[in-house]
Amino acid sequence: MATAQRAPRDILLETDADYQRLVEQHSKYEAELHRISSSRYLSSEDLLEEIKLKKMKLHCKDEMERIAARVRRARAKFTQ
């Protein structure tokens, strides 16, 4: 498939080290959240950790979207 038709996320997963790092971090945060949420009882420390992980996960997602938007803008300039 031509690069112009591929989703920015797919291109970035193959070519952008920062994006790849963010995806890995996002997955690690998700796994840790799953581990915490699977407990029957959450201590106050667990609840604080859950909040912290959710914020860090969201930050990764925001950064990934920022990078993808940059690719979309570049692609739009290229096709004009």
Protein backbone atom coordinates (compact mmCIF):
# COMPACT_ATOMS: atom_id res chain seq x y z
CA MET A 1 0.00 0.00 0.00
CA ALA A 2 1.33 3.46 -0.82
CA THR A 3 2.54 5.58 2.09
CA ALA A 4 0.06 8.37 1.24
CA GLN A 5 -2.85 5.99 1.86
CA ARG A 6 -1.61 4.61 5.16
CA ALA A 7 -2.74 5.92 8.52
CA PRO A 8 -0.24 8.20 10.27
CA ARG A 9 -0.19 5.82 13.23
CA ASP A 10 0.97 2.91 11.06
CA ILE A 11 3.71 5.00 9.46
CA LEU A 12 4.85 6.31 12.83
CA LEU A 13 4.99 2.85 14.37
CA GLU A 14 7.51 1.90 11.72
CA THR A 15 9.52 5.11 11.44
CA ASP A 16 9.36 7.31 14.54
CA ALA A 17 11.34 6.25 17.62
CA ASP A 18 9.56 8.76 19.89
CA TYR A 19 6.16 7.51 18.78
CA GLN A 20 7.25 3.89 19.29
CA ARG A 21 8.51 4.75 22.79
CA LEU A 22 5.21 6.44 23.63
CA VAL A 23 3.21 3.43 22.42
CA GLU A 24 5.32 1.14 24.59
CA GLN A 25 4.90 3.39 27.63
CA HIS A 26 1.16 3.63 27.02
CA SER A 27 0.95 -0.18 26.93
CA LYS A 28 2.97 -0.52 30.14
CA TYR A 29 0.71 1.96 31.92
CA GLU A 30 -2.35 0.10 30.64
CA ALA A 31 -0.98 -3.22 31.90
CA GLU A 32 -0.19 -1.74 35.31
CA LEU A 33 -3.67 -0.21 35.50
CA HIS A 34 -5.17 -3.58 34.68
CA ARG A 35 -3.09 -5.22 37.40
CA ILE A 36 -4.19 -2.65 39.97
CA SER A 37 -7.85 -2.73 38.97
CA SER A 38 -7.99 -6.51 39.15
CA SER A 39 -7.37 -6.42 42.90
CA ARG A 40 -10.35 -6.99 45.14
CA TYR A 41 -9.23 -4.30 47.53
CA LEU A 42 -7.48 -1.09 46.56
CA SER A 43 -5.47 0.65 49.23
CA SER A 44 -5.15 4.42 49.24
CA GLU A 45 -1.70 3.96 47.68
CA ASP A 46 -3.24 1.85 44.93
CA LEU A 47 -5.86 4.51 44.26
CA LEU A 48 -3.20 7.21 44.05
CA GLU A 49 -1.11 5.03 41.74
CA GLU A 50 -4.17 4.42 39.58
CA ILE A 51 -4.73 8.18 39.22
CA LYS A 52 -1.06 8.75 38.44
CA LEU A 53 -1.02 5.98 35.82
CA LYS A 54 -4.17 7.30 34.16
CA LYS A 55 -2.61 10.76 33.89
CA MET A 56 0.64 9.37 32.49
CA LYS A 57 -1.26 7.19 30.04
CA LEU A 58 -3.29 10.20 28.87
CA HIS A 59 -0.11 12.24 28.49
CA CYS A 60 1.33 9.52 26.23
CA LYS A 61 -1.86 9.48 24.19
CA ASP A 62 -1.78 13.28 23.83
CA GLU A 63 1.85 13.19 22.69
CA MET A 64 1.09 10.40 20.21
CA GLU A 65 -1.77 12.46 18.79
CA ARG A 66 0.46 15.54 18.56
CA ILE A 67 3.03 13.58 16.53
CA ALA A 68 0.31 12.06 14.31
CA ALA A 69 -1.18 15.52 13.68
CA ARG A 70 2.25 16.74 12.58
CA VAL A 71 2.40 13.88 10.05
CA ARG A 72 -1.11 14.64 8.81
CA ARG A 73 -0.19 18.32 8.31
CA ALA A 74 2.99 17.36 6.46
CA ARG A 75 1.04 14.94 4.28
CA ALA A 76 -1.55 17.62 3.50
CA LYS A 77 1.19 20.04 2.39
CA PHE A 78 2.79 17.34 0.29
CA THR A 79 -0.45 16.48 -1.56
CA GLN A 80 -1.37 20.07 -2.35
